[in-house]
C-alpha atoms as a PDB file:
ATOM      1  CA  MET A   1       4.548 197.909 159.323  1.00  0.00           C
ATOM      2  CA  ILE A   2       4.417 201.493 161.059  1.00  0.00           C
ATOM      3  CA  SER A   3       1.519 203.355 161.641  1.00  0.00           C
ATOM      4  CA  PRO A   4       1.000 206.717 159.542  1.00  0.00           C
ATOM      5  CA  LYS A   5       0.872 208.476 162.733  1.00  0.00           C
ATOM      6  CA  ASN A   6       4.031 207.195 163.960  1.00  0.00           C
ATOM      7  CA  ARG A   7       5.590 207.745 160.447  1.00  0.00           C
ATOM      8  CA  GLN A   8       4.780 211.225 160.546  1.00  0.00           C
ATOM      9  CA  ILE A   9       6.101 211.741 164.080  1.00  0.00           C
ATOM     10  CA  ALA A  10       9.533 210.148 162.667  1.00  0.00           C
ATOM     11  CA  LEU A  11       9.243 212.720 159.724  1.00  0.00           C
ATOM     12  CA  ASP A  12       8.571 215.657 162.064  1.00  0.00           C
ATOM     13  CA  TRP A  13      11.484 214.833 164.176  1.00  0.00           C
ATOM     14  CA  LEU A  14      13.965 214.286 161.371  1.00  0.00           C
ATOM     15  CA  LYS A  15      12.827 217.722 160.081  1.00  0.00           C
ATOM     16  CA  ALA A  16      13.035 219.466 163.191  1.00  0.00           C
ATOM     17  CA  PHE A  17      16.654 217.901 164.044  1.00  0.00           C
ATOM     18  CA  ASN A  18      17.799 218.659 160.491  1.00  0.00           C
ATOM     19  CA  THR A  19      16.669 222.336 160.525  1.00  0.00           C
ATOM     20  CA  LYS A  20      18.134 222.740 163.877  1.00  0.00           C
ATOM     21  CA  ASP A  21      14.423 223.862 165.298  1.00  0.00           C
ATOM     22  CA  LEU A  22      15.154 223.019 168.929  1.00  0.00           C
ATOM     23  CA  GLU A  23      11.709 223.953 169.995  1.00  0.00           C
ATOM     24  CA  GLY A  24       9.787 222.057 167.522  1.00  0.00           C
ATOM     25  CA  LEU A  25      12.177 219.004 168.385  1.00  0.00           C
ATOM     26  CA  LEU A  26      11.024 219.398 172.048  1.00  0.00           C
ATOM     27  CA  HIS A  27       7.384 219.785 170.889  1.00  0.00           C
ATOM     28  CA  LEU A  28       7.695 216.071 169.988  1.00  0.00           C
ATOM     29  CA  TYR A  29       8.589 215.048 173.556  1.00  0.00           C
ATOM     30  CA  ASP A  30       6.314 214.674 176.781  1.00  0.00           C
ATOM     31  CA  ASN A  31       7.515 216.703 179.253  1.00  0.00           C
ATOM     32  CA  ASN A  32       8.624 213.581 181.486  1.00  0.00           C
ATOM     33  CA  ALA A  33      10.544 212.052 178.207  1.00  0.00           C
ATOM     34  CA  GLU A  34      13.680 210.215 179.148  1.00  0.00           C
ATOM     35  CA  HIS A  35      16.403 209.691 176.593  1.00  0.00           C
ATOM     36  CA  TYR A  36      19.284 207.142 176.787  1.00  0.00           C
ATOM     37  CA  SER A  37      22.282 207.216 174.473  1.00  0.00           C
ATOM     38  CA  PRO A  38      25.818 205.747 174.787  1.00  0.00           C
ATOM     39  CA  LYS A  39      26.836 209.277 173.643  1.00  0.00           C
ATOM     40  CA  LEU A  40      25.369 211.008 176.589  1.00  0.00           C
ATOM     41  CA  LYS A  41      27.511 208.257 178.847  1.00  0.00           C
ATOM     42  CA  VAL A  42      30.689 209.471 177.211  1.00  0.00           C
ATOM     43  CA  ARG A  43      30.065 213.071 177.048  1.00  0.00           C
ATOM     44  CA  LEU A  44      28.277 213.509 180.376  1.00  0.00           C
ATOM     45  CA  PRO A  45      29.426 210.536 182.417  1.00  0.00           C
ATOM     46  CA  GLU A  46      27.302 211.608 185.608  1.00  0.00           C
ATOM     47  CA  THR A  47      24.182 211.155 183.423  1.00  0.00           C
ATOM     48  CA  LYS A  48      25.007 207.238 182.887  1.00  0.00           C
ATOM     49  CA  GLY A  49      23.566 208.036 179.686  1.00  0.00           C
ATOM     50  CA  LEU A  50      20.220 208.787 180.608  1.00  0.00           C
ATOM     51  CA  ILE A  51      18.460 212.280 180.776  1.00  0.00           C
ATOM     52  CA  LYS A  52      14.988 213.043 181.955  1.00  0.00           C
ATOM     53  CA  GLY A  53      12.744 215.953 181.074  1.00  0.00           C
ATOM     54  CA  LYS A  54      12.626 218.725 178.419  1.00  0.00           C
ATOM     55  CA  ASP A  55      15.073 220.951 180.214  1.00  0.00           C
ATOM     56  CA  ALA A  56      17.764 218.194 180.035  1.00  0.00           C
ATOM     57  CA  LEU A  57      16.684 217.326 176.293  1.00  0.00           C
ATOM     58  CA  ARG A  58      17.064 220.865 175.526  1.00  0.00           C
ATOM     59  CA  SER A  59      20.384 221.251 176.807  1.00  0.00           C
ATOM     60  CA  TRP A  60      21.308 218.024 175.102  1.00  0.00           C
ATOM     61  CA  TRP A  61      20.199 219.065 171.775  1.00  0.00           C
ATOM     62  CA  LYS A  62      21.607 222.415 171.659  1.00  0.00           C
ATOM     63  CA  ASP A  63      25.046 221.193 172.556  1.00  0.00           C
ATOM     64  CA  ALA A  64      24.620 218.721 169.795  1.00  0.00           C
ATOM     65  CA  PHE A  65      23.519 221.590 167.246  1.00  0.00           C
ATOM     66  CA  ASP A  66      26.363 223.618 168.484  1.00  0.00           C
ATOM     67  CA  ARG A  67      29.018 221.031 168.403  1.00  0.00           C
ATOM     68  CA  LEU A  68      27.914 219.287 165.323  1.00  0.00           C
ATOM     69  CA  PRO A  69      26.252 221.852 162.990  1.00  0.00           C
ATOM     70  CA  THR A  70      26.466 219.712 159.856  1.00  0.00           C
ATOM     71  CA  LEU A  71      25.007 216.483 161.664  1.00  0.00           C
ATOM     72  CA  HIS A  72      22.061 215.323 159.686  1.00  0.00           C
ATOM     73  CA  TYR A  73      19.653 212.448 159.545  1.00  0.00           C
ATOM     74  CA  ARG A  74      17.886 210.594 157.076  1.00  0.00           C
ATOM     75  CA  LEU A  75      15.109 208.128 157.062  1.00  0.00           C
ATOM     76  CA  VAL A  76      16.201 204.852 155.841  1.00  0.00           C
ATOM     77  CA  SER A  77      13.248 202.768 156.929  1.00  0.00           C
ATOM     78  CA  CYS A  78      10.499 202.766 159.453  1.00  0.00           C
ATOM     79  CA  GLN A  79       9.817 199.050 160.503  1.00  0.00           C
ATOM     80  CA  LEU A  80       8.256 198.840 164.198  1.00  0.00           C
ATOM     81  CA  ASP A  81       5.518 200.528 166.465  1.00  0.00           C
ATOM     82  CA  ILE A  82       6.320 200.288 170.057  1.00  0.00           C
ATOM     83  CA  VAL A  83       4.215 201.744 172.773  1.00  0.00           C
ATOM     84  CA  VAL A  84       5.997 202.504 175.832  1.00  0.00           C
END
């Protein structure tokens, strides 16, 4: 079961992403956040799929918003809390 706090973070992330609110999305990340994606590995091979920090996240998400304006996520389930 997911905690109410983490569920709200997930909902806030979805809302920010789906409304293309770049600053709202970035607000949910730590300044030193790391993001791994196989899509990054393909699109930006020099990253080996990993970007670090808000500047890199800003660039990645802005590019995604520009390239894929109709991309939309929806919450299907929240099943697990992980603290890293």
